[in-house]
PDB file of N, CA and C in Angstrom:
ATOM      1  N   MET A   1     -24.944   9.634  11.849  1.00  0.00           N
ATOM      2  CA  MET A   1     -25.042   8.187  11.918  1.00  0.00           C
ATOM      3  C   MET A   1     -24.441   7.531  10.671  1.00  0.00           C
ATOM      4  N   ILE A   2     -24.812   8.013   9.490  1.00  0.00           N
ATOM      5  CA  ILE A   2     -24.291   7.447   8.260  1.00  0.00           C
ATOM      6  C   ILE A   2     -22.797   7.737   8.134  1.00  0.00           C
ATOM      7  N   ALA A   3     -22.380   8.933   8.537  1.00  0.00           N
ATOM      8  CA  ALA A   3     -20.955   9.279   8.481  1.00  0.00           C
ATOM      9  C   ALA A   3     -20.136   8.365   9.389  1.00  0.00           C
ATOM     10  N   THR A   4     -20.683   8.001  10.528  1.00  0.00           N
ATOM     11  CA  THR A   4     -19.989   7.099  11.448  1.00  0.00           C
ATOM     12  C   THR A   4     -19.835   5.712  10.826  1.00  0.00           C
ATOM     13  N   ILE A   5     -20.884   5.229  10.185  1.00  0.00           N
ATOM     14  CA  ILE A   5     -20.822   3.913   9.541  1.00  0.00           C
ATOM     15  C   ILE A   5     -19.805   3.930   8.402  1.00  0.00           C
ATOM     16  N   ILE A   6     -19.824   4.988   7.585  1.00  0.00           N
ATOM     17  CA  ILE A   6     -18.869   5.103   6.492  1.00  0.00           C
ATOM     18  C   ILE A   6     -17.448   5.196   7.037  1.00  0.00           C
ATOM     19  N   GLY A   7     -17.254   5.986   8.088  1.00  0.00           N
ATOM     20  CA  GLY A   7     -15.930   6.143   8.679  1.00  0.00           C
ATOM     21  C   GLY A   7     -15.365   4.839   9.204  1.00  0.00           C
ATOM     22  N   TRP A   8     -16.157   4.113   9.974  1.00  0.00           N
ATOM     23  CA  TRP A   8     -15.667   2.842  10.516  1.00  0.00           C
ATOM     24  C   TRP A   8     -15.487   1.794   9.430  1.00  0.00           C
ATOM     25  N   SER A   9     -16.328   1.837   8.399  1.00  0.00           N
ATOM     26  CA  SER A   9     -16.159   0.903   7.278  1.00  0.00           C
ATOM     27  C   SER A   9     -14.836   1.164   6.556  1.00  0.00           C
ATOM     28  N   LEU A  10     -14.500   2.424   6.326  1.00  0.00           N
ATOM     29  CA  LEU A  10     -13.239   2.757   5.673  1.00  0.00           C
ATOM     30  C   LEU A  10     -12.036   2.381   6.539  1.00  0.00           C
ATOM     31  N   ILE A  11     -12.161   2.545   7.832  1.00  0.00           N
ATOM     32  CA  ILE A  11     -11.071   2.139   8.728  1.00  0.00           C
ATOM     33  C   ILE A  11     -10.884   0.621   8.679  1.00  0.00           C
ATOM     34  N   CYS A  12     -11.982  -0.127   8.655  1.00  0.00           N
ATOM     35  CA  CYS A  12     -11.876  -1.593   8.551  1.00  0.00           C
ATOM     36  C   CYS A  12     -11.278  -2.015   7.213  1.00  0.00           C
ATOM     37  N   VAL A  13     -11.649  -1.327   6.131  1.00  0.00           N
ATOM     38  CA  VAL A  13     -11.061  -1.616   4.821  1.00  0.00           C
ATOM     39  C   VAL A  13      -9.560  -1.329   4.853  1.00  0.00           C
ATOM     40  N   GLY A  14      -9.173  -0.231   5.511  1.00  0.00           N
ATOM     41  CA  GLY A  14      -7.755   0.099   5.643  1.00  0.00           C
ATOM     42  C   GLY A  14      -6.989  -0.964   6.409  1.00  0.00           C
ATOM     43  N   ILE A  15      -7.568  -1.465   7.467  1.00  0.00           N
ATOM     44  CA  ILE A  15      -6.925  -2.534   8.233  1.00  0.00           C
ATOM     45  C   ILE A  15      -6.780  -3.794   7.377  1.00  0.00           C
ATOM     46  N   LEU A  16      -7.811  -4.117   6.615  1.00  0.00           N
ATOM     47  CA  LEU A  16      -7.760  -5.283   5.743  1.00  0.00           C
ATOM     48  C   LEU A  16      -6.643  -5.138   4.705  1.00  0.00           C
ATOM     49  N   PHE A  17      -6.544  -3.973   4.066  1.00  0.00           N
ATOM     50  CA  PHE A  17      -5.475  -3.761   3.094  1.00  0.00           C
ATOM     51  C   PHE A  17      -4.101  -3.799   3.749  1.00  0.00           C
ATOM     52  N   GLY A  18      -3.984  -3.309   4.962  1.00  0.00           N
ATOM     53  CA  GLY A  18      -2.705  -3.378   5.671  1.00  0.00           C
ATOM     54  C   GLY A  18      -2.275  -4.800   5.943  1.00  0.00           C
ATOM     55  N   VAL A  19      -3.199  -5.632   6.346  1.00  0.00           N
ATOM     56  CA  VAL A  19      -2.887  -7.035   6.613  1.00  0.00           C
ATOM     57  C   VAL A  19      -2.517  -7.751   5.318  1.00  0.00           C
ATOM     58  N   VAL A  20      -3.269  -7.514   4.251  1.00  0.00           N
ATOM     59  CA  VAL A  20      -2.979  -8.151   2.968  1.00  0.00           C
ATOM     60  C   VAL A  20      -1.608  -7.713   2.447  1.00  0.00           C
ATOM     61  N   GLY A  21      -1.268  -6.449   2.607  1.00  0.00           N
ATOM     62  CA  GLY A  21       0.047  -5.967   2.183  1.00  0.00           C
ATOM     63  C   GLY A  21       1.174  -6.621   2.955  1.00  0.00           C
ATOM     64  N   ASN A  22       0.996  -6.800   4.256  1.00  0.00           N
ATOM     65  CA  ASN A  22       2.023  -7.470   5.052  1.00  0.00           C
ATOM     66  C   ASN A  22       2.168  -8.933   4.667  1.00  0.00           C
ATOM     67  N   VAL A  23       1.070  -9.600   4.386  1.00  0.00           N
ATOM     68  CA  VAL A  23       1.144 -10.989   3.937  1.00  0.00           C
ATOM     69  C   VAL A  23       1.862 -11.057   2.590  1.00  0.00           C
ATOM     70  N   GLY A  24       1.585 -10.104   1.698  1.00  0.00           N
ATOM     71  CA  GLY A  24       2.263 -10.064   0.410  1.00  0.00           C
ATOM     72  C   GLY A  24       3.759  -9.889   0.547  1.00  0.00           C
ATOM     73  N   VAL A  25       4.179  -9.059   1.486  1.00  0.00           N
ATOM     74  CA  VAL A  25       5.614  -8.866   1.719  1.00  0.00           C
ATOM     75  C   VAL A  25       6.253 -10.170   2.200  1.00  0.00           C
ATOM     76  N   LEU A  26       5.531 -10.939   2.963  1.00  0.00           N
ATOM     77  CA  LEU A  26       6.092 -12.181   3.493  1.00  0.00           C
ATOM     78  C   LEU A  26       6.139 -13.308   2.457  1.00  0.00           C
ATOM     79  N   ILE A  27       5.175 -13.367   1.532  1.00  0.00           N
ATOM     80  CA  ILE A  27       5.114 -14.537   0.649  1.00  0.00           C
ATOM     81  C   ILE A  27       5.685 -14.298  -0.736  1.00  0.00           C
ATOM     82  N   PHE A  28       5.815 -13.062  -1.189  1.00  0.00           N
ATOM     83  CA  PHE A  28       6.320 -12.841  -2.545  1.00  0.00           C
ATOM     84  C   PHE A  28       7.817 -13.100  -2.613  1.00  0.00           C
ATOM     85  N   PRO A  29       8.316 -13.531  -3.794  1.00  0.00           N
ATOM     86  CA  PRO A  29       9.672 -14.073  -3.879  1.00  0.00           C
ATOM     87  C   PRO A  29      10.807 -13.061  -4.001  1.00  0.00           C
ATOM     88  N   ASP A  30      10.581 -11.891  -4.586  1.00  0.00           N
ATOM     89  CA  ASP A  30      11.711 -10.986  -4.789  1.00  0.00           C
ATOM     90  C   ASP A  30      11.355  -9.566  -4.359  1.00  0.00           C
ATOM     91  N   VAL A  31      12.358  -8.695  -4.423  1.00  0.00           N
ATOM     92  CA  VAL A  31      12.200  -7.342  -3.900  1.00  0.00           C
ATOM     93  C   VAL A  31      11.182  -6.540  -4.705  1.00  0.00           C
ATOM     94  N   TYR A  32      11.062  -6.780  -5.991  1.00  0.00           N
ATOM     95  CA  TYR A  32      10.166  -5.991  -6.836  1.00  0.00           C
ATOM     96  C   TYR A  32       8.694  -6.313  -6.559  1.00  0.00           C
ATOM     97  N   THR A  33       8.371  -7.592  -6.436  1.00  0.00           N
ATOM     98  CA  THR A  33       6.989  -7.948  -6.138  1.00  0.00           C
ATOM     99  C   THR A  33       6.626  -7.578  -4.701  1.00  0.00           C
ATOM    100  N   ARG A  34       7.567  -7.700  -3.793  1.00  0.00           N
ATOM    101  CA  ARG A  34       7.316  -7.274  -2.413  1.00  0.00           C
ATOM    102  C   ARG A  34       7.104  -5.777  -2.329  1.00  0.00           C
ATOM    103  N   LEU A  35       7.873  -5.039  -3.098  1.00  0.00           N
ATOM    104  CA  LEU A  35       7.739  -3.585  -3.119  1.00  0.00           C
ATOM    105  C   LEU A  35       6.387  -3.175  -3.681  1.00  0.00           C
ATOM    106  N   GLN A  36       5.940  -3.858  -4.709  1.00  0.00           N
ATOM    107  CA  GLN A  36       4.637  -3.535  -5.286  1.00  0.00           C
ATOM    108  C   GLN A  36       3.521  -3.826  -4.294  1.00  0.00           C
ATOM    109  N   ALA A  37       3.607  -4.960  -3.616  1.00  0.00           N
ATOM    110  CA  ALA A  37       2.575  -5.310  -2.639  1.00  0.00           C
ATOM    111  C   ALA A  37       2.555  -4.323  -1.481  1.00  0.00           C
ATOM    112  N   SER A  38       3.717  -4.002  -0.972  1.00  0.00           N
ATOM    113  CA  SER A  38       3.755  -3.112   0.189  1.00  0.00           C
ATOM    114  C   SER A  38       3.355  -1.692  -0.175  1.00  0.00           C
ATOM    115  N   ALA A  39       3.790  -1.200  -1.316  1.00  0.00           N
ATOM    116  CA  ALA A  39       3.484   0.180  -1.695  1.00  0.00           C
ATOM    117  C   ALA A  39       2.005   0.362  -2.008  1.00  0.00           C
ATOM    118  N   THR A  40       1.456  -0.558  -2.789  1.00  0.00           N
ATOM    119  CA  THR A  40       0.048  -0.434  -3.164  1.00  0.00           C
ATOM    120  C   THR A  40      -0.866  -0.574  -1.957  1.00  0.00           C
ATOM    121  N   CYS A  41      -0.630  -1.589  -1.160  1.00  0.00           N
ATOM    122  CA  CYS A  41      -1.499  -1.815  -0.007  1.00  0.00           C
ATOM    123  C   CYS A  41      -1.294  -0.768   1.079  1.00  0.00           C
ATOM    124  N   ALA A  42      -0.073  -0.315   1.259  1.00  0.00           N
ATOM    125  CA  ALA A  42       0.167   0.708   2.279  1.00  0.00           C
ATOM    126  C   ALA A  42      -0.505   2.023   1.900  1.00  0.00           C
ATOM    127  N   THR A  43      -0.428   2.393   0.638  1.00  0.00           N
ATOM    128  CA  THR A  43      -1.084   3.625   0.205  1.00  0.00           C
ATOM    129  C   THR A  43      -2.594   3.510   0.350  1.00  0.00           C
ATOM    130  N   THR A  44      -3.153   2.404  -0.097  1.00  0.00           N
ATOM    131  CA  THR A  44      -4.595   2.201   0.004  1.00  0.00           C
ATOM    132  C   THR A  44      -5.038   2.141   1.462  1.00  0.00           C
ATOM    133  N   ALA A  45      -4.286   1.427   2.292  1.00  0.00           N
ATOM    134  CA  ALA A  45      -4.652   1.301   3.698  1.00  0.00           C
ATOM    135  C   ALA A  45      -4.584   2.640   4.413  1.00  0.00           C
ATOM    136  N   THR A  46      -3.513   3.364   4.205  1.00  0.00           N
ATOM    137  CA  THR A  46      -3.353   4.644   4.895  1.00  0.00           C
ATOM    138  C   THR A  46      -4.409   5.647   4.462  1.00  0.00           C
ATOM    139  N   LEU A  47      -4.644   5.739   3.170  1.00  0.00           N
ATOM    140  CA  LEU A  47      -5.651   6.689   2.697  1.00  0.00           C
ATOM    141  C   LEU A  47      -7.057   6.293   3.147  1.00  0.00           C
ATOM    142  N   SER A  48      -7.344   5.006   3.209  1.00  0.00           N
ATOM    143  CA  SER A  48      -8.651   4.567   3.705  1.00  0.00           C
ATOM    144  C   SER A  48      -8.842   4.947   5.171  1.00  0.00           C
ATOM    145  N   VAL A  49      -7.813   4.746   5.970  1.00  0.00           N
ATOM    146  CA  VAL A  49      -7.907   5.102   7.388  1.00  0.00           C
ATOM    147  C   VAL A  49      -8.037   6.619   7.562  1.00  0.00           C
ATOM    148  N   ILE A  50      -7.280   7.381   6.790  1.00  0.00           N
ATOM    149  CA  ILE A  50      -7.333   8.840   6.903  1.00  0.00           C
ATOM    150  C   ILE A  50      -8.698   9.365   6.469  1.00  0.00           C
ATOM    151  N   ILE A  51      -9.239   8.846   5.370  1.00  0.00           N
ATOM    152  CA  ILE A  51     -10.568   9.279   4.925  1.00  0.00           C
ATOM    153  C   ILE A  51     -11.629   8.840   5.933  1.00  0.00           C
ATOM    154  N   GLY A  52     -11.471   7.633   6.493  1.00  0.00           N
ATOM    155  CA  GLY A  52     -12.398   7.177   7.524  1.00  0.00           C
ATOM    156  C   GLY A  52     -12.367   8.064   8.754  1.00  0.00           C
ATOM    157  N   CYS A  53     -11.178   8.486   9.162  1.00  0.00           N
ATOM    158  CA  CYS A  53     -11.078   9.409  10.306  1.00  0.00           C
ATOM    159  C   CYS A  53     -11.681  10.760   9.976  1.00  0.00           C
ATOM    160  N   ALA A  54     -11.548  11.197   8.722  1.00  0.00           N
ATOM    161  CA  ALA A  54     -12.155  12.468   8.323  1.00  0.00           C
ATOM    162  C   ALA A  54     -13.676  12.397   8.419  1.00  0.00           C
ATOM    163  N   PHE A  55     -14.252  11.235   8.151  1.00  0.00           N
ATOM    164  CA  PHE A  55     -15.695  11.079   8.315  1.00  0.00           C
ATOM    165  C   PHE A  55     -16.097  11.071   9.787  1.00  0.00           C
ATOM    166  N   LEU A  56     -15.210  10.601  10.657  1.00  0.00           N
ATOM    167  CA  LEU A  56     -15.562  10.483  12.078  1.00  0.00           C
ATOM    168  C   LEU A  56     -15.457  11.803  12.848  1.00  0.00           C
ATOM    169  N   VAL A  57     -14.560  12.693  12.431  1.00  0.00           N
ATOM    170  CA  VAL A  57     -14.423  13.971  13.132  1.00  0.00           C
ATOM    171  C   VAL A  57     -15.368  14.993  12.515  1.00  0.00           C
ATOM    172  N   GLU A  58     -15.699  15.988  13.292  1.00  0.00           N
ATOM    173  CA  GLU A  58     -16.554  17.046  12.768  1.00  0.00           C
ATOM    174  C   GLU A  58     -15.758  17.917  11.805  1.00  0.00           C
ATOM    175  N   LEU A  59     -16.472  18.588  10.921  1.00  0.00           N
ATOM    176  CA  LEU A  59     -15.834  19.468   9.956  1.00  0.00           C
ATOM    177  C   LEU A  59     -15.159  20.611  10.699  1.00  0.00           C
ATOM    178  N   GLY A  60     -13.836  20.717  10.543  1.00  0.00           N
ATOM    179  CA  GLY A  60     -13.087  21.748  11.250  1.00  0.00           C
ATOM    180  C   GLY A  60     -11.609  21.632  10.940  1.00  0.00           C
ATOM    181  N   PRO A  61     -10.787  22.141  11.841  1.00  0.00           N
ATOM    182  CA  PRO A  61      -9.341  22.122  11.597  1.00  0.00           C
ATOM    183  C   PRO A  61      -8.764  20.710  11.473  1.00  0.00           C
ATOM    184  N   MET A  62      -9.308  19.762  12.201  1.00  0.00           N
ATOM    185  CA  MET A  62      -8.792  18.394  12.142  1.00  0.00           C
ATOM    186  C   MET A  62      -9.012  17.783  10.756  1.00  0.00           C
ATOM    187  N   THR A  63     -10.132  18.091  10.130  1.00  0.00           N
ATOM    188  CA  THR A  63     -10.393  17.591   8.783  1.00  0.00           C
ATOM    189  C   THR A  63      -9.364  18.124   7.799  1.00  0.00           C
ATOM    190  N   GLY A  64      -9.019  19.394   7.921  1.00  0.00           N
ATOM    191  CA  GLY A  64      -7.987  19.978   7.064  1.00  0.00           C
ATOM    192  C   GLY A  64      -6.637  19.334   7.276  1.00  0.00           C
ATOM    193  N   LYS A  65      -6.301  19.056   8.522  1.00  0.00           N
ATOM    194  CA  LYS A  65      -5.031  18.391   8.821  1.00  0.00           C
ATOM    195  C   LYS A  65      -4.995  16.993   8.220  1.00  0.00           C
ATOM    196  N   LEU A  66      -6.107  16.279   8.315  1.00  0.00           N
ATOM    197  CA  LEU A  66      -6.166  14.936   7.741  1.00  0.00           C
ATOM    198  C   LEU A  66      -6.027  14.977   6.220  1.00  0.00           C
ATOM    199  N   ILE A  67      -6.614  15.969   5.584  1.00  0.00           N
ATOM    200  CA  ILE A  67      -6.483  16.102   4.134  1.00  0.00           C
ATOM    201  C   ILE A  67      -5.037  16.386   3.744  1.00  0.00           C
ATOM    202  N   VAL A  68      -4.367  17.254   4.486  1.00  0.00           N
ATOM    203  CA  VAL A  68      -2.964  17.572   4.192  1.00  0.00           C
ATOM    204  C   VAL A  68      -2.087  16.339   4.392  1.00  0.00           C
ATOM    205  N   ILE A  69      -2.307  15.602   5.465  1.00  0.00           N
ATOM    206  CA  ILE A  69      -1.542  14.385   5.719  1.00  0.00           C
ATOM    207  C   ILE A  69      -1.783  13.370   4.605  1.00  0.00           C
ATOM    208  N   GLY A  70      -3.027  13.207   4.176  1.00  0.00           N
ATOM    209  CA  GLY A  70      -3.351  12.285   3.092  1.00  0.00           C
ATOM    210  C   GLY A  70      -2.679  12.665   1.787  1.00  0.00           C
ATOM    211  N   LEU A  71      -2.690  13.962   1.453  1.00  0.00           N
ATOM    212  CA  LEU A  71      -2.030  14.424   0.229  1.00  0.00           C
ATOM    213  C   LEU A  71      -0.518  14.209   0.298  1.00  0.00           C
ATOM    214  N   PHE A  72       0.077  14.479   1.464  1.00  0.00           N
ATOM    215  CA  PHE A  72       1.509  14.245   1.626  1.00  0.00           C
ATOM    216  C   PHE A  72       1.848  12.778   1.433  1.00  0.00           C
ATOM    217  N   PHE A  73       1.056  11.896   2.025  1.00  0.00           N
ATOM    218  CA  PHE A  73       1.319  10.467   1.888  1.00  0.00           C
ATOM    219  C   PHE A  73       1.084  10.005   0.460  1.00  0.00           C
ATOM    220  N   LEU A  74       0.087  10.586  -0.215  1.00  0.00           N
ATOM    221  CA  LEU A  74      -0.194  10.220  -1.594  1.00  0.00           C
ATOM    222  C   LEU A  74       0.967  10.566  -2.518  1.00  0.00           C
ATOM    223  N   VAL A  75       1.705  11.616  -2.191  1.00  0.00           N
ATOM    224  CA  VAL A  75       2.860  12.015  -2.994  1.00  0.00           C
ATOM    225  C   VAL A  75       4.121  11.264  -2.559  1.00  0.00           C
ATOM    226  N   SER A  76       4.349  11.141  -1.269  1.00  0.00           N
ATOM    227  CA  SER A  76       5.620  10.601  -0.787  1.00  0.00           C
ATOM    228  C   SER A  76       5.724   9.080  -0.901  1.00  0.00           C
ATOM    229  N   SER A  77       4.639   8.356  -0.817  1.00  0.00           N
ATOM    230  CA  SER A  77       4.708   6.894  -0.866  1.00  0.00           C
ATOM    231  C   SER A  77       5.170   6.369  -2.230  1.00  0.00           C
ATOM    232  N   PRO A  78       4.605   6.815  -3.344  1.00  0.00           N
ATOM    233  CA  PRO A  78       5.126   6.329  -4.628  1.00  0.00           C
ATOM    234  C   PRO A  78       6.566   6.765  -4.901  1.00  0.00           C
ATOM    235  N   VAL A  79       6.933   7.949  -4.428  1.00  0.00           N
ATOM    236  CA  VAL A  79       8.306   8.413  -4.637  1.00  0.00           C
ATOM    237  C   VAL A  79       9.289   7.525  -3.877  1.00  0.00           C
ATOM    238  N   SER A  80       8.978   7.199  -2.643  1.00  0.00           N
ATOM    239  CA  SER A  80       9.882   6.351  -1.869  1.00  0.00           C
ATOM    240  C   SER A  80       9.945   4.931  -2.448  1.00  0.00           C
ATOM    241  N   SER A  81       8.837   4.422  -2.931  1.00  0.00           N
ATOM    242  CA  SER A  81       8.851   3.098  -3.566  1.00  0.00           C
ATOM    243  C   SER A  81       9.690   3.107  -4.835  1.00  0.00           C
ATOM    244  N   HIS A  82       9.599   4.181  -5.596  1.00  0.00           N
ATOM    245  CA  HIS A  82      10.412   4.297  -6.806  1.00  0.00           C
ATOM    246  C   HIS A  82      11.898   4.334  -6.455  1.00  0.00           C
ATOM    247  N   ILE A  83      12.262   5.052  -5.412  1.00  0.00           N
ATOM    248  CA  ILE A  83      13.663   5.139  -5.000  1.00  0.00           C
ATOM    249  C   ILE A  83      14.187   3.763  -4.588  1.00  0.00           C
ATOM    250  N   ILE A  84      13.401   3.016  -3.838  1.00  0.00           N
ATOM    251  CA  ILE A  84      13.816   1.683  -3.408  1.00  0.00           C
ATOM    252  C   ILE A  84      13.951   0.746  -4.609  1.00  0.00           C
ATOM    253  N   GLY A  85      12.985   0.775  -5.527  1.00  0.00           N
ATOM    254  CA  GLY A  85      13.050  -0.067  -6.717  1.00  0.00           C
ATOM    255  C   GLY A  85      14.221   0.291  -7.615  1.00  0.00           C
ATOM    256  N   ARG A  86      14.496   1.572  -7.752  1.00  0.00           N
ATOM    257  CA  ARG A  86      15.629   1.990  -8.588  1.00  0.00           C
ATOM    258  C   ARG A  86      16.958   1.556  -7.962  1.00  0.00           C
ATOM    259  N   TYR A  87      17.057   1.657  -6.636  1.00  0.00           N
ATOM    260  CA  TYR A  87      18.267   1.207  -5.954  1.00  0.00           C
ATOM    261  C   TYR A  87      18.471  -0.294  -6.167  1.00  0.00           C
ATOM    262  N   ALA A  88      17.385  -1.060  -6.075  1.00  0.00           N
ATOM    263  CA  ALA A  88      17.491  -2.509  -6.298  1.00  0.00           C
ATOM    264  C   ALA A  88      17.908  -2.809  -7.731  1.00  0.00           C
ATOM    265  N   TRP A  89      17.382  -2.056  -8.687  1.00  0.00           N
ATOM    266  CA  TRP A  89      17.743  -2.277 -10.083  1.00  0.00           C
ATOM    267  C   TRP A  89      19.202  -1.919 -10.342  1.00  0.00           C
ATOM    268  N   LYS A  90      19.669  -0.812  -9.753  1.00  0.00           N
ATOM    269  CA  LYS A  90      21.068  -0.416  -9.947  1.00  0.00           C
ATOM    270  C   LYS A  90      22.025  -1.388  -9.269  1.00  0.00           C
ATOM    271  N   ARG A  91      21.595  -2.040  -8.204  1.00  0.00           N
ATOM    272  CA  ARG A  91      22.407  -3.060  -7.551  1.00  0.00           C
ATOM    273  C   ARG A  91      22.304  -4.401  -8.259  1.00  0.00           C
ATOM    274  N   GLU A  92      21.622  -4.419  -9.394  1.00  0.00           N
ATOM    275  CA  GLU A  92      21.460  -5.586 -10.254  1.00  0.00           C
ATOM    276  C   GLU A  92      20.814  -6.761  -9.538  1.00  0.00           C
ATOM    277  N   MET A  93      19.781  -6.469  -8.758  1.00  0.00           N
ATOM    278  CA  MET A  93      18.997  -7.537  -8.153  1.00  0.00           C
ATOM    279  C   MET A  93      18.091  -8.111  -9.232  1.00  0.00           C
ATOM    280  N   VAL A  94      18.223  -9.394  -9.467  1.00  0.00           N
ATOM    281  CA  VAL A  94      17.536 -10.055 -10.562  1.00  0.00           C
ATOM    282  C   VAL A  94      16.081 -10.313 -10.166  1.00  0.00           C
ATOM    283  N   PRO A  95      15.146  -9.953 -11.042  1.00  0.00           N
ATOM    284  CA  PRO A  95      13.744 -10.286 -10.765  1.00  0.00           C
ATOM    285  C   PRO A  95      13.532 -11.794 -10.786  1.00  0.00           C
ATOM    286  N   TRP A  96      12.600 -12.268  -9.984  1.00  0.00           N
ATOM    287  CA  TRP A  96      12.297 -13.683  -9.901  1.00  0.00           C
ATOM    288  C   TRP A  96      11.610 -14.128 -11.179  1.00  0.00           C
ATOM    289  N   ARG A  97      12.000 -15.296 -11.667  1.00  0.00           N
ATOM    290  CA  ARG A  97      11.358 -15.886 -12.841  1.00  0.00           C
ATOM    291  C   ARG A  97      11.065 -17.352 -12.553  1.00  0.00           C
ATOM    292  N   ARG A  98      10.015 -17.846 -13.168  1.00  0.00           N
ATOM    293  CA  ARG A  98       9.657 -19.247 -13.018  1.00  0.00           C
ATOM    294  C   ARG A  98      10.625 -20.141 -13.762  1.00  0.00           C
ATOM    295  N   ALA A  99      10.884 -21.307 -13.218  1.00  0.00           N
ATOM    296  CA  ALA A  99      11.733 -22.293 -13.900  1.00  0.00           C
ATOM    297  C   ALA A  99      10.861 -23.123 -14.836  1.00  0.00           C
ATOM    298  N   TRP A 100      11.277 -23.233 -16.094  1.00  0.00           N
ATOM    299  CA  TRP A 100      10.530 -23.993 -17.101  1.00  0.00           C
ATOM    300  C   TRP A 100      11.370 -25.193 -17.537  1.00  0.00           C
ATOM    301  N   ASP A 101      10.716 -26.295 -17.796  1.00  0.00           N
ATOM    302  CA  ASP A 101      11.439 -27.438 -18.336  1.00  0.00           C
ATOM    303  C   ASP A 101      11.319 -27.437 -19.869  1.00  0.00           C
ATOM    304  N   GLU A 102      11.809 -28.490 -20.534  1.00  0.00           N
ATOM    305  CA  GLU A 102      11.840 -28.527 -22.001  1.00  0.00           C
ATOM    306  C   GLU A 102      10.439 -28.521 -22.622  1.00  0.00           C
ATOM    307  N   ARG A 103       9.459 -29.091 -21.929  1.00  0.00           N
ATOM    308  CA  ARG A 103       8.114 -29.167 -22.472  1.00  0.00           C
ATOM    309  C   ARG A 103       7.329 -27.893 -22.275  1.00  0.00           C
ATOM    310  N   GLY A 104       7.860 -26.957 -21.512  1.00  0.00           N
ATOM    311  CA  GLY A 104       7.139 -25.715 -21.245  1.00  0.00           C
ATOM    312  C   GLY A 104       6.321 -25.751 -19.972  1.00  0.00           C
ATOM    313  N   ASP A 105       6.472 -26.833 -19.193  1.00  0.00           N
ATOM    314  CA  ASP A 105       5.738 -26.948 -17.934  1.00  0.00           C
ATOM    315  C   ASP A 105       6.545 -26.302 -16.818  1.00  0.00           C
ATOM    316  N   VAL A 106       5.840 -25.851 -15.797  1.00  0.00           N
ATOM    317  CA  VAL A 106       6.509 -25.299 -14.627  1.00  0.00           C
ATOM    318  C   VAL A 106       7.061 -26.440 -13.794  1.00  0.00           C
ATOM    319  N   GLU A 107       8.298 -26.312 -13.375  1.00  0.00           N
ATOM    320  CA  GLU A 107       8.915 -27.362 -12.549  1.00  0.00           C
ATOM    321  C   GLU A 107       8.446 -27.270 -11.122  1.00  0.00           C
TER     322      GLU A 107
END
C-alpha cells in the first residue's frame, strides 16, 4: 500500500517536472537557457517516473531493467546536453543578455 502511494506520487512529480521543462523550453529566450531547462527537467522527470515504476512493480527482473534504464539515462542525458551546448557555442550563438540603459535600469 505504501509502495503504491510512493510510486504514484513519484510518477506525478515526474509529470509535473516534464510539464515545467516544456514550458521552460517555450518561454526562455536563447538556446543555452532552453537547454538547461529541458535537460534538468527531463532528467528529473524521467528518473522520477522510472523510480515510481520501480516502486509499483514487484521485486524481480523488471526492477533490474528499470534500474539499468535509469542509469543509462542518468549518463546519456547530460552528455547529449553538453554536445548540443558545445555545438551552439562553436557556432557562435550569442547568449541572451538584458538591455540596460544609461541609468542602469532594465529597458
